[in-house]
Amino acid sequence: MKDVTTQLQQLRDKAEALIDKRQLSPEDVSEESLSRIWHELKVHQIELELQNEELRKAQQTLSISRDRFAMLFHQAPVGYLVLNPDGLILEANETFCRMIGAEAGTILSRGLNDFLIDEDKGTFLARYRAFYNTPDEKSMELGIRVTGDAVRYVRMSGTRMQQPSAGPTGKSLEERLLVTLIDITDLVLAQKTLNAHLGHVQAMLALLQHPLDNSKDFLEMVLQTGISITESRYGILMHGWDGRRFMVSAWSQEVSGDCRIADAQASVDLHNLDIVRESLHTREPVVYNDTGRLGERPAHFPPGHIPLQRLLCYPSAAGQGRVF
């Protein structure tokens, strides 16, 4: 009603100004003219009231739509970012903030490249300009650093959008890029595990196909395959016949460089290897994930032995002998 009252007051002021200009007096206006003017003013008043009511309804609808859009933007199951041509983050939804464990205030106006893992930064910088210009049917898979130095992998796709911006010449529309970031961490880790298993299978197949005419080469390949599959640093291969004494057959190059045993021997009594005795007796692989609890070196390993954090003992029977 305030808008209607204001408009009526403006009409009144204009009318009074016209009367003053024309120097009209009440005697110059007939009763019929006054009645017609009064009717027109009432009609105009009602028109203004109806227009004002429609305007209020439109504002309410716009407010509801804006709130609904904000809710969909921030509570979407995927991350949303609005980027400028330089890759700076102009807007970020709450999902993306939760994804990387950061507050929105620490994200805005920073480059997306700041949050990527080192190995993906070069790829992003090299491809972003072309991605920004023509994002349709394009995507990038990126690793994002999150709180605690963890990594979350995402697939990024985008679409161009126009965003209103207030400039010195008034409001204008600026081109922006709205990107969607879908969390594919589980998929990437599963693929890495699958690739690792495939590599293990291929290594075992290569081992099975290796000729046995040279036992030294074969044992060396067995050792290197074991180190590769278990992702170990050191590897030692021993064999024995009587279950009491074992001969060192091969060892990895790292052993030679890091081992500082003063009196190294090619054979070792089993009673001096009680840390692997369980594996021998059960004929099952045994893993020690924390040899530190046993002291600086595994029990009964001689001074100068290579430092061990984790230890895998894997027995393999061959005829009457056993190989570790």
C-alpha atoms as a PDB file:
ATOM      1  CA  MET A   1       0.000   0.000   0.000  1.00  0.00           C
ATOM      2  CA  LYS A   2       2.877   2.367   0.530  1.00  0.00           C
ATOM      3  CA  ASP A   3       3.724   2.304  -3.190  1.00  0.00           C
ATOM      4  CA  VAL A   4       0.094   3.044  -4.114  1.00  0.00           C
ATOM      5  CA  THR A   5      -0.096   5.954  -1.664  1.00  0.00           C
ATOM      6  CA  THR A   6       3.133   7.384  -3.050  1.00  0.00           C
ATOM      7  CA  GLN A   7       1.897   7.182  -6.645  1.00  0.00           C
ATOM      8  CA  LEU A   8      -1.422   8.789  -5.709  1.00  0.00           C
ATOM      9  CA  GLN A   9       0.416  11.603  -3.956  1.00  0.00           C
ATOM     10  CA  GLN A  10       2.513  12.117  -7.088  1.00  0.00           C
ATOM     11  CA  LEU A  11      -0.638  12.324  -9.211  1.00  0.00           C
ATOM     12  CA  ARG A  12      -2.103  14.788  -6.732  1.00  0.00           C
ATOM     13  CA  ASP A  13       0.990  16.981  -6.900  1.00  0.00           C
ATOM     14  CA  LYS A  14       0.870  16.935 -10.722  1.00  0.00           C
ATOM     15  CA  ALA A  15      -2.803  17.804 -10.701  1.00  0.00           C
ATOM     16  CA  GLU A  16      -2.287  20.704  -8.292  1.00  0.00           C
ATOM     17  CA  ALA A  17       0.565  21.948 -10.464  1.00  0.00           C
ATOM     18  CA  LEU A  18      -1.677  21.890 -13.541  1.00  0.00           C
ATOM     19  CA  ILE A  19      -4.399  23.708 -11.666  1.00  0.00           C
ATOM     20  CA  ASP A  20      -1.959  26.395 -10.585  1.00  0.00           C
ATOM     21  CA  LYS A  21      -0.617  26.661 -14.125  1.00  0.00           C
ATOM     22  CA  ARG A  22      -4.018  26.956 -15.703  1.00  0.00           C
ATOM     23  CA  GLN A  23      -5.283  29.155 -12.867  1.00  0.00           C
ATOM     24  CA  LEU A  24      -8.431  27.081 -12.562  1.00  0.00           C
ATOM     25  CA  SER A  25     -10.918  27.759  -9.785  1.00  0.00           C
ATOM     26  CA  PRO A  26     -13.627  25.462  -8.407  1.00  0.00           C
ATOM     27  CA  GLU A  27     -16.227  27.530 -10.236  1.00  0.00           C
ATOM     28  CA  ASP A  28     -14.573  26.598 -13.582  1.00  0.00           C
ATOM     29  CA  VAL A  29     -15.106  22.857 -12.999  1.00  0.00           C
ATOM     30  CA  SER A  30     -18.583  21.434 -13.345  1.00  0.00           C
ATOM     31  CA  GLU A  31     -20.000  18.857 -10.963  1.00  0.00           C
ATOM     32  CA  GLU A  32     -20.117  16.332 -13.801  1.00  0.00           C
ATOM     33  CA  SER A  33     -16.388  16.823 -14.498  1.00  0.00           C
ATOM     34  CA  LEU A  34     -15.525  16.406 -10.816  1.00  0.00           C
ATOM     35  CA  SER A  35     -17.504  13.182 -10.674  1.00  0.00           C
ATOM     36  CA  ARG A  36     -15.736  11.837 -13.778  1.00  0.00           C
ATOM     37  CA  ILE A  37     -12.325  12.786 -12.419  1.00  0.00           C
ATOM     38  CA  TRP A  38     -13.122  11.157  -9.092  1.00  0.00           C
ATOM     39  CA  HIS A  39     -14.155   7.938 -10.838  1.00  0.00           C
ATOM     40  CA  GLU A  40     -11.000   7.872 -12.927  1.00  0.00           C
ATOM     41  CA  LEU A  41      -8.848   8.403  -9.851  1.00  0.00           C
ATOM     42  CA  LYS A  42     -10.557   5.512  -8.018  1.00  0.00           C
ATOM     43  CA  VAL A  43     -10.087   3.233 -11.038  1.00  0.00           C
ATOM     44  CA  HIS A  44      -6.437   4.199 -11.282  1.00  0.00           C
ATOM     45  CA  GLN A  45      -6.000   3.613  -7.550  1.00  0.00           C
ATOM     46  CA  ILE A  46      -7.425   0.091  -7.843  1.00  0.00           C
ATOM     47  CA  GLU A  47      -5.211  -0.592 -10.880  1.00  0.00           C
ATOM     48  CA  LEU A  48      -2.153   0.452  -8.918  1.00  0.00           C
ATOM     49  CA  GLU A  49      -3.196  -1.736  -5.968  1.00  0.00           C
ATOM     50  CA  LEU A  50      -3.599  -4.743  -8.271  1.00  0.00           C
ATOM     51  CA  GLN A  51      -0.230  -4.070  -9.900  1.00  0.00           C
ATOM     52  CA  ASN A  52       1.387  -3.745  -6.498  1.00  0.00           C
ATOM     53  CA  GLU A  53      -0.126  -7.060  -5.377  1.00  0.00           C
ATOM     54  CA  GLU A  54       1.164  -8.794  -8.523  1.00  0.00           C
ATOM     55  CA  LEU A  55       4.592  -7.301  -7.890  1.00  0.00           C
ATOM     56  CA  ARG A  56       4.627  -8.638  -4.307  1.00  0.00           C
ATOM     57  CA  LYS A  57       3.651 -12.107  -5.566  1.00  0.00           C
ATOM     58  CA  ALA A  58       6.411 -12.001  -8.178  1.00  0.00           C
ATOM     59  CA  GLN A  59       8.958 -11.000  -5.524  1.00  0.00           C
ATOM     60  CA  GLN A  60       7.842 -13.852  -3.269  1.00  0.00           C
ATOM     61  CA  THR A  61       8.074 -16.340  -6.150  1.00  0.00           C
ATOM     62  CA  LEU A  62      11.537 -15.049  -7.037  1.00  0.00           C
ATOM     63  CA  SER A  63      12.658 -15.332  -3.404  1.00  0.00           C
ATOM     64  CA  ILE A  64      11.378 -18.929  -3.173  1.00  0.00           C
ATOM     65  CA  SER A  65      13.113 -19.836  -6.441  1.00  0.00           C
ATOM     66  CA  ARG A  66      16.365 -18.236  -5.249  1.00  0.00           C
ATOM     67  CA  ASP A  67      16.229 -20.146  -1.950  1.00  0.00           C
ATOM     68  CA  ARG A  68      15.435 -23.397  -3.760  1.00  0.00           C
ATOM     69  CA  PHE A  69      18.349 -22.876  -6.159  1.00  0.00           C
ATOM     70  CA  ALA A  70      20.706 -22.117  -3.267  1.00  0.00           C
ATOM     71  CA  MET A  71      19.580 -25.280  -1.482  1.00  0.00           C
ATOM     72  CA  LEU A  72      20.084 -27.410  -4.618  1.00  0.00           C
ATOM     73  CA  PHE A  73      23.478 -25.788  -5.262  1.00  0.00           C
ATOM     74  CA  HIS A  74      24.850 -26.269  -1.763  1.00  0.00           C
ATOM     75  CA  GLN A  75      23.249 -29.618  -0.878  1.00  0.00           C
ATOM     76  CA  ALA A  76      23.873 -31.381  -4.176  1.00  0.00           C
ATOM     77  CA  PRO A  77      25.575 -34.807  -3.919  1.00  0.00           C
ATOM     78  CA  VAL A  78      28.439 -33.512  -6.103  1.00  0.00           C
ATOM     79  CA  GLY A  79      30.810 -30.580  -5.790  1.00  0.00           C
ATOM     80  CA  TYR A  80      30.053 -27.385  -7.723  1.00  0.00           C
ATOM     81  CA  LEU A  81      32.508 -24.587  -8.494  1.00  0.00           C
ATOM     82  CA  VAL A  82      32.212 -21.405 -10.543  1.00  0.00           C
ATOM     83  CA  LEU A  83      35.557 -20.596 -12.170  1.00  0.00           C
ATOM     84  CA  ASN A  84      36.798 -17.610 -14.147  1.00  0.00           C
ATOM     85  CA  PRO A  85      39.055 -17.870 -17.240  1.00  0.00           C
ATOM     86  CA  ASP A  86      42.162 -17.993 -15.001  1.00  0.00           C
ATOM     87  CA  GLY A  87      40.866 -20.923 -12.950  1.00  0.00           C
ATOM     88  CA  LEU A  88      40.096 -18.841  -9.854  1.00  0.00           C
ATOM     89  CA  ILE A  89      37.247 -20.100  -7.671  1.00  0.00           C
ATOM     90  CA  LEU A  90      34.448 -17.531  -7.551  1.00  0.00           C
ATOM     91  CA  GLU A  91      31.832 -19.717  -5.900  1.00  0.00           C
ATOM     92  CA  ALA A  92      31.930 -23.113  -4.175  1.00  0.00           C
ATOM     93  CA  ASN A  93      29.095 -25.196  -2.813  1.00  0.00           C
ATOM     94  CA  GLU A  94      29.072 -26.785   0.629  1.00  0.00           C
ATOM     95  CA  THR A  95      29.583 -30.256  -0.832  1.00  0.00           C
ATOM     96  CA  PHE A  96      32.966 -29.278  -2.291  1.00  0.00           C
ATOM     97  CA  CYS A  97      33.956 -27.624   1.004  1.00  0.00           C
ATOM     98  CA  ARG A  98      33.145 -30.835   2.873  1.00  0.00           C
ATOM     99  CA  MET A  99      34.920 -32.845   0.193  1.00  0.00           C
ATOM    100  CA  ILE A 100      38.262 -31.162   0.890  1.00  0.00           C
ATOM    101  CA  GLY A 101      37.617 -30.321   4.544  1.00  0.00           C
ATOM    102  CA  ALA A 102      37.883 -26.534   4.218  1.00  0.00           C
ATOM    103  CA  GLU A 103      35.727 -23.479   4.876  1.00  0.00           C
ATOM    104  CA  ALA A 104      34.351 -21.507   1.939  1.00  0.00           C
ATOM    105  CA  GLY A 105      36.230 -18.409   3.079  1.00  0.00           C
ATOM    106  CA  THR A 106      39.565 -20.179   2.592  1.00  0.00           C
ATOM    107  CA  ILE A 107      38.647 -21.360  -0.913  1.00  0.00           C
ATOM    108  CA  LEU A 108      37.176 -18.375  -2.733  1.00  0.00           C
ATOM    109  CA  SER A 109      39.467 -16.258  -4.913  1.00  0.00           C
ATOM    110  CA  ARG A 110      42.100 -19.000  -4.945  1.00  0.00           C
ATOM    111  CA  GLY A 111      43.080 -21.046  -7.951  1.00  0.00           C
ATOM    112  CA  LEU A 112      41.749 -24.576  -8.190  1.00  0.00           C
ATOM    113  CA  ASN A 113      45.322 -25.566  -8.983  1.00  0.00           C
ATOM    114  CA  ASP A 114      46.262 -24.737  -5.371  1.00  0.00           C
ATOM    115  CA  PHE A 115      44.243 -27.722  -4.136  1.00  0.00           C
ATOM    116  CA  LEU A 116      45.530 -30.311  -6.623  1.00  0.00           C
ATOM    117  CA  ILE A 117      48.179 -32.930  -5.940  1.00  0.00           C
ATOM    118  CA  ASP A 118      51.565 -32.092  -7.438  1.00  0.00           C
ATOM    119  CA  GLU A 119      51.433 -34.687 -10.229  1.00  0.00           C
ATOM    120  CA  ASP A 120      48.137 -33.258 -11.579  1.00  0.00           C
ATOM    121  CA  LYS A 121      48.978 -29.546 -11.462  1.00  0.00           C
ATOM    122  CA  GLY A 122      50.821 -29.534 -14.779  1.00  0.00           C
ATOM    123  CA  THR A 123      48.021 -31.424 -16.519  1.00  0.00           C
ATOM    124  CA  PHE A 124      45.407 -28.994 -15.223  1.00  0.00           C
ATOM    125  CA  LEU A 125      47.353 -25.884 -16.254  1.00  0.00           C
ATOM    126  CA  ALA A 126      48.048 -27.294 -19.710  1.00  0.00           C
ATOM    127  CA  ARG A 127      44.434 -28.268 -20.409  1.00  0.00           C
ATOM    128  CA  TYR A 128      42.368 -25.697 -18.532  1.00  0.00           C
ATOM    129  CA  ARG A 129      42.210 -22.959 -21.174  1.00  0.00           C
ATOM    130  CA  ALA A 130      40.919 -25.327 -23.860  1.00  0.00           C
ATOM    131  CA  PHE A 131      38.598 -26.923 -21.296  1.00  0.00           C
ATOM    132  CA  TYR A 132      37.214 -23.503 -20.343  1.00  0.00           C
ATOM    133  CA  ASN A 133      36.591 -22.436 -23.938  1.00  0.00           C
ATOM    134  CA  THR A 134      34.841 -25.641 -25.066  1.00  0.00           C
ATOM    135  CA  PRO A 135      33.876 -27.751 -22.054  1.00  0.00           C
ATOM    136  CA  ASP A 136      31.187 -29.802 -23.789  1.00  0.00           C
ATOM    137  CA  GLU A 137      31.835 -33.554 -23.742  1.00  0.00           C
ATOM    138  CA  LYS A 138      35.181 -33.020 -21.994  1.00  0.00           C
ATOM    139  CA  SER A 139      36.310 -34.116 -18.557  1.00  0.00           C
ATOM    140  CA  MET A 140      39.438 -34.253 -16.407  1.00  0.00           C
ATOM    141  CA  GLU A 141      40.321 -36.666 -13.624  1.00  0.00           C
ATOM    142  CA  LEU A 142      42.223 -34.892 -10.862  1.00  0.00           C
ATOM    143  CA  GLY A 143      43.591 -35.644  -7.422  1.00  0.00           C
ATOM    144  CA  ILE A 144      42.650 -33.096  -4.739  1.00  0.00           C
ATOM    145  CA  ARG A 145      44.509 -32.713  -1.460  1.00  0.00           C
ATOM    146  CA  VAL A 146      42.246 -32.820   1.579  1.00  0.00           C
ATOM    147  CA  THR A 147      42.763 -32.272   5.287  1.00  0.00           C
ATOM    148  CA  GLY A 148      45.393 -34.566   6.750  1.00  0.00           C
ATOM    149  CA  ASP A 149      47.364 -34.966   3.512  1.00  0.00           C
ATOM    150  CA  ALA A 150      44.841 -37.458   2.175  1.00  0.00           C
ATOM    151  CA  VAL A 151      43.908 -37.435  -1.508  1.00  0.00           C
ATOM    152  CA  ARG A 152      40.443 -37.480  -3.045  1.00  0.00           C
ATOM    153  CA  TYR A 153      40.077 -38.200  -6.754  1.00  0.00           C
ATOM    154  CA  VAL A 154      37.387 -36.404  -8.772  1.00  0.00           C
ATOM    155  CA  ARG A 155      36.109 -36.326 -12.335  1.00  0.00           C
ATOM    156  CA  MET A 156      35.558 -32.724 -13.431  1.00  0.00           C
ATOM    157  CA  SER A 157      33.162 -31.680 -16.194  1.00  0.00           C
ATOM    158  CA  GLY A 158      31.845 -28.218 -16.970  1.00  0.00           C
ATOM    159  CA  THR A 159      29.440 -25.957 -18.816  1.00  0.00           C
ATOM    160  CA  ARG A 160      29.656 -22.295 -19.789  1.00  0.00           C
ATOM    161  CA  MET A 161      27.306 -19.866 -18.076  1.00  0.00           C
ATOM    162  CA  GLN A 162      26.622 -16.127 -17.977  1.00  0.00           C
ATOM    163  CA  GLN A 163      26.726 -14.485 -14.576  1.00  0.00           C
ATOM    164  CA  PRO A 164      25.436 -10.938 -13.837  1.00  0.00           C
ATOM    165  CA  SER A 165      28.153  -8.541 -12.761  1.00  0.00           C
ATOM    166  CA  ALA A 166      27.975  -4.900 -11.651  1.00  0.00           C
ATOM    167  CA  GLY A 167      30.601  -2.820 -13.417  1.00  0.00           C
ATOM    168  CA  PRO A 168      31.364   0.904 -13.812  1.00  0.00           C
ATOM    169  CA  THR A 169      28.958   1.104 -16.748  1.00  0.00           C
ATOM    170  CA  GLY A 170      26.165  -0.752 -14.946  1.00  0.00           C
ATOM    171  CA  LYS A 171      25.115  -4.364 -14.848  1.00  0.00           C
ATOM    172  CA  SER A 172      26.521  -6.765 -17.437  1.00  0.00           C
ATOM    173  CA  LEU A 173      26.817 -10.508 -18.083  1.00  0.00           C
ATOM    174  CA  GLU A 174      30.211 -12.176 -17.753  1.00  0.00           C
ATOM    175  CA  GLU A 175      31.185 -15.612 -19.047  1.00  0.00           C
ATOM    176  CA  ARG A 176      31.935 -18.134 -16.321  1.00  0.00           C
ATOM    177  CA  LEU A 177      32.503 -21.877 -16.099  1.00  0.00           C
ATOM    178  CA  LEU A 178      30.317 -24.007 -13.846  1.00  0.00           C
ATOM    179  CA  VAL A 179      32.152 -27.238 -13.077  1.00  0.00           C
ATOM    180  CA  THR A 180      30.867 -30.439 -11.509  1.00  0.00           C
ATOM    181  CA  LEU A 181      33.243 -32.567  -9.439  1.00  0.00           C
ATOM    182  CA  ILE A 182      32.185 -36.185  -8.893  1.00  0.00           C
ATOM    183  CA  ASP A 183      34.062 -38.176  -6.248  1.00  0.00           C
ATOM    184  CA  ILE A 184      35.646 -41.227  -7.933  1.00  0.00           C
ATOM    185  CA  THR A 185      38.124 -42.061  -5.169  1.00  0.00           C
ATOM    186  CA  ASP A 186      36.789 -45.589  -4.640  1.00  0.00           C
ATOM    187  CA  LEU A 187      36.901 -46.255  -8.386  1.00  0.00           C
ATOM    188  CA  VAL A 188      40.493 -45.000  -8.742  1.00  0.00           C
ATOM    189  CA  LEU A 189      41.724 -46.977  -5.736  1.00  0.00           C
ATOM    190  CA  ALA A 190      39.951 -50.103  -6.990  1.00  0.00           C
ATOM    191  CA  GLN A 191      41.586 -49.638 -10.401  1.00  0.00           C
ATOM    192  CA  LYS A 192      45.003 -49.236  -8.785  1.00  0.00           C
ATOM    193  CA  THR A 193      44.455 -52.415  -6.771  1.00  0.00           C
ATOM    194  CA  LEU A 194      43.356 -54.259  -9.890  1.00  0.00           C
ATOM    195  CA  ASN A 195      46.418 -53.045 -11.799  1.00  0.00           C
ATOM    196  CA  ALA A 196      48.663 -54.149  -8.936  1.00  0.00           C
ATOM    197  CA  HIS A 197      47.079 -57.616  -8.903  1.00  0.00           C
ATOM    198  CA  LEU A 198      47.417 -57.816 -12.677  1.00  0.00           C
ATOM    199  CA  GLY A 199      51.092 -56.899 -12.353  1.00  0.00           C
ATOM    200  CA  HIS A 200      51.534 -59.624  -9.754  1.00  0.00           C
ATOM    201  CA  VAL A 201      49.912 -62.207 -12.022  1.00  0.00           C
ATOM    202  CA  GLN A 202      52.090 -61.156 -14.945  1.00  0.00           C
ATOM    203  CA  ALA A 203      55.196 -61.372 -12.751  1.00  0.00           C
ATOM    204  CA  MET A 204      54.249 -64.867 -11.604  1.00  0.00           C
ATOM    205  CA  LEU A 205      53.576 -65.976 -15.193  1.00  0.00           C
ATOM    206  CA  ALA A 206      56.980 -64.646 -16.241  1.00  0.00           C
ATOM    207  CA  LEU A 207      58.534 -66.555 -13.335  1.00  0.00           C
ATOM    208  CA  LEU A 208      56.803 -69.796 -14.314  1.00  0.00           C
ATOM    209  CA  GLN A 209      58.017 -69.391 -17.888  1.00  0.00           C
ATOM    210  CA  HIS A 210      61.608 -68.716 -16.863  1.00  0.00           C
ATOM    211  CA  PRO A 211      64.004 -71.519 -17.954  1.00  0.00           C
ATOM    212  CA  LEU A 212      65.489 -73.622 -15.140  1.00  0.00           C
ATOM    213  CA  ASP A 213      68.852 -74.351 -16.820  1.00  0.00           C
ATOM    214  CA  ASN A 214      70.579 -71.735 -14.649  1.00  0.00           C
ATOM    215  CA  SER A 215      69.611 -72.037 -10.976  1.00  0.00           C
ATOM    216  CA  LYS A 216      71.395 -68.835  -9.977  1.00  0.00           C
ATOM    217  CA  ASP A 217      69.481 -66.728 -12.508  1.00  0.00           C
ATOM    218  CA  PHE A 218      66.239 -68.424 -11.530  1.00  0.00           C
ATOM    219  CA  LEU A 219      66.745 -67.764  -7.808  1.00  0.00           C
ATOM    220  CA  GLU A 220      67.625 -64.135  -8.558  1.00  0.00           C
ATOM    221  CA  MET A 221      64.416 -63.768 -10.533  1.00  0.00           C
ATOM    222  CA  VAL A 222      62.413 -65.391  -7.731  1.00  0.00           C
ATOM    223  CA  LEU A 223      63.917 -62.890  -5.297  1.00  0.00           C
ATOM    224  CA  GLN A 224      63.259 -59.846  -7.462  1.00  0.00           C
ATOM    225  CA  THR A 225      59.703 -61.002  -8.205  1.00  0.00           C
ATOM    226  CA  GLY A 226      59.033 -61.401  -4.493  1.00  0.00           C
ATOM    227  CA  ILE A 227      60.410 -57.941  -3.741  1.00  0.00           C
ATOM    228  CA  SER A 228      58.280 -56.397  -6.511  1.00  0.00           C
ATOM    229  CA  ILE A 229      55.054 -58.141  -5.528  1.00  0.00           C
ATOM    230  CA  THR A 230      55.403 -57.316  -1.821  1.00  0.00           C
ATOM    231  CA  GLU A 231      56.745 -53.793  -2.531  1.00  0.00           C
ATOM    232  CA  SER A 232      59.670 -54.528  -0.197  1.00  0.00           C
ATOM    233  CA  ARG A 233      63.042 -52.813   0.038  1.00  0.00           C
ATOM    234  CA  TYR A 234      65.129 -55.811   1.055  1.00  0.00           C
ATOM    235  CA  GLY A 235      64.987 -59.426   0.002  1.00  0.00           C
ATOM    236  CA  ILE A 236      66.950 -62.474   1.147  1.00  0.00           C
ATOM    237  CA  LEU A 237      66.523 -65.974  -0.245  1.00  0.00           C
ATOM    238  CA  MET A 238      67.643 -68.942   1.901  1.00  0.00           C
ATOM    239  CA  HIS A 239      67.338 -72.686   1.459  1.00  0.00           C
ATOM    240  CA  GLY A 240      67.936 -75.704   3.676  1.00  0.00           C
ATOM    241  CA  TRP A 241      67.550 -79.448   3.829  1.00  0.00           C
ATOM    242  CA  ASP A 242      67.514 -80.663   7.390  1.00  0.00           C
ATOM    243  CA  GLY A 243      65.171 -78.086   8.878  1.00  0.00           C
ATOM    244  CA  ARG A 244      67.955 -76.842  11.191  1.00  0.00           C
ATOM    245  CA  ARG A 245      70.410 -74.964   9.027  1.00  0.00           C
ATOM    246  CA  PHE A 246      69.778 -72.620   6.089  1.00  0.00           C
ATOM    247  CA  MET A 247      72.074 -71.316   3.369  1.00  0.00           C
ATOM    248  CA  VAL A 248      71.811 -67.759   2.018  1.00  0.00           C
ATOM    249  CA  SER A 249      71.293 -68.192  -1.738  1.00  0.00           C
ATOM    250  CA  ALA A 250      70.622 -64.648  -2.938  1.00  0.00           C
ATOM    251  CA  TRP A 251      69.960 -61.151  -1.659  1.00  0.00           C
ATOM    252  CA  SER A 252      68.926 -57.807  -3.146  1.00  0.00           C
ATOM    253  CA  GLN A 253      71.426 -55.053  -3.910  1.00  0.00           C
ATOM    254  CA  GLU A 254      70.015 -52.895  -1.084  1.00  0.00           C
ATOM    255  CA  VAL A 255      71.082 -55.562   1.402  1.00  0.00           C
ATOM    256  CA  SER A 256      74.681 -55.357   0.239  1.00  0.00           C
ATOM    257  CA  GLY A 257      74.667 -51.562   0.549  1.00  0.00           C
ATOM    258  CA  ASP A 258      72.910 -51.238   3.918  1.00  0.00           C
ATOM    259  CA  CYS A 259      74.017 -54.367   5.806  1.00  0.00           C
ATOM    260  CA  ARG A 260      76.830 -53.755   8.328  1.00  0.00           C
ATOM    261  CA  ILE A 261      77.296 -57.214   9.829  1.00  0.00           C
ATOM    262  CA  ALA A 262      80.944 -57.573  10.747  1.00  0.00           C
ATOM    263  CA  ASP A 263      81.107 -61.352  10.346  1.00  0.00           C
ATOM    264  CA  ALA A 264      78.564 -62.248   7.650  1.00  0.00           C
ATOM    265  CA  GLN A 265      77.972 -65.958   7.184  1.00  0.00           C
ATOM    266  CA  ALA A 266      76.491 -67.850   4.258  1.00  0.00           C
ATOM    267  CA  SER A 267      74.677 -70.281   6.557  1.00  0.00           C
ATOM    268  CA  VAL A 268      72.464 -69.610   9.586  1.00  0.00           C
ATOM    269  CA  ASP A 269      71.210 -71.938  12.322  1.00  0.00           C
ATOM    270  CA  LEU A 270      67.444 -72.027  12.670  1.00  0.00           C
ATOM    271  CA  HIS A 271      67.630 -71.444  16.433  1.00  0.00           C
ATOM    272  CA  ASN A 272      69.221 -68.063  15.654  1.00  0.00           C
ATOM    273  CA  LEU A 273      66.191 -67.127  13.516  1.00  0.00           C
ATOM    274  CA  ASP A 274      63.375 -67.489  16.014  1.00  0.00           C
ATOM    275  CA  ILE A 275      61.534 -64.598  14.342  1.00  0.00           C
ATOM    276  CA  VAL A 276      60.882 -66.830  11.297  1.00  0.00           C
ATOM    277  CA  ARG A 277      60.521 -70.117  13.165  1.00  0.00           C
ATOM    278  CA  GLU A 278      56.741 -69.776  13.298  1.00  0.00           C
ATOM    279  CA  SER A 279      56.557 -69.516   9.515  1.00  0.00           C
ATOM    280  CA  LEU A 280      58.723 -72.614   9.105  1.00  0.00           C
ATOM    281  CA  HIS A 281      56.774 -74.741  11.553  1.00  0.00           C
ATOM    282  CA  THR A 282      53.313 -73.716  10.316  1.00  0.00           C
ATOM    283  CA  ARG A 283      54.392 -73.674   6.654  1.00  0.00           C
ATOM    284  CA  GLU A 284      52.330 -70.451   6.307  1.00  0.00           C
ATOM    285  CA  PRO A 285      53.411 -66.876   5.498  1.00  0.00           C
ATOM    286  CA  VAL A 286      53.953 -64.768   8.608  1.00  0.00           C
ATOM    287  CA  VAL A 287      53.916 -60.959   8.626  1.00  0.00           C
ATOM    288  CA  TYR A 288      55.442 -58.800  11.363  1.00  0.00           C
ATOM    289  CA  ASN A 289      54.094 -55.265  10.936  1.00  0.00           C
ATOM    290  CA  ASP A 290      56.060 -53.788  13.812  1.00  0.00           C
ATOM    291  CA  THR A 291      59.433 -55.374  14.441  1.00  0.00           C
ATOM    292  CA  GLY A 292      60.285 -52.303  16.519  1.00  0.00           C
ATOM    293  CA  ARG A 293      58.582 -53.922  19.481  1.00  0.00           C
ATOM    294  CA  LEU A 294      61.347 -56.517  19.343  1.00  0.00           C
ATOM    295  CA  GLY A 295      64.055 -53.892  19.740  1.00  0.00           C
ATOM    296  CA  GLU A 296      66.325 -52.182  17.245  1.00  0.00           C
ATOM    297  CA  ARG A 297      66.805 -55.422  15.342  1.00  0.00           C
ATOM    298  CA  PRO A 298      64.770 -58.643  15.153  1.00  0.00           C
ATOM    299  CA  ALA A 299      65.564 -61.117  17.886  1.00  0.00           C
ATOM    300  CA  HIS A 300      68.890 -62.940  17.406  1.00  0.00           C
ATOM    301  CA  PHE A 301      69.749 -61.105  14.189  1.00  0.00           C
ATOM    302  CA  PRO A 302      73.411 -60.115  14.484  1.00  0.00           C
ATOM    303  CA  PRO A 303      74.579 -56.525  15.122  1.00  0.00           C
ATOM    304  CA  GLY A 304      74.756 -54.460  11.937  1.00  0.00           C
ATOM    305  CA  HIS A 305      71.792 -56.262  10.384  1.00  0.00           C
ATOM    306  CA  ILE A 306      69.677 -54.153   8.024  1.00  0.00           C
ATOM    307  CA  PRO A 307      66.941 -52.198   9.866  1.00  0.00           C
ATOM    308  CA  LEU A 308      63.528 -53.818   9.526  1.00  0.00           C
ATOM    309  CA  GLN A 309      60.169 -52.170  10.150  1.00  0.00           C
ATOM    310  CA  ARG A 310      57.985 -54.885   8.650  1.00  0.00           C
ATOM    311  CA  LEU A 311      58.936 -58.453   7.872  1.00  0.00           C
ATOM    312  CA  LEU A 312      57.311 -61.077   5.637  1.00  0.00           C
ATOM    313  CA  CYS A 313      58.470 -64.692   5.934  1.00  0.00           C
ATOM    314  CA  TYR A 314      57.198 -66.912   3.153  1.00  0.00           C
ATOM    315  CA  PRO A 315      58.131 -70.632   3.223  1.00  0.00           C
ATOM    316  CA  SER A 316      58.075 -72.701   0.062  1.00  0.00           C
ATOM    317  CA  ALA A 317      58.647 -76.470   0.111  1.00  0.00           C
ATOM    318  CA  ALA A 318      60.596 -78.067  -2.734  1.00  0.00           C
ATOM    319  CA  GLY A 319      61.126 -81.799  -2.406  1.00  0.00           C
ATOM    320  CA  GLN A 320      62.798 -82.408   0.960  1.00  0.00           C
ATOM    321  CA  GLY A 321      64.104 -78.843   1.181  1.00  0.00           C
ATOM    322  CA  ARG A 322      62.524 -75.523   2.043  1.00  0.00           C
ATOM    323  CA  VAL A 323      63.144 -72.096   0.566  1.00  0.00           C
ATOM    324  CA  PHE A 324      62.485 -68.703   2.236  1.00  0.00           C
END
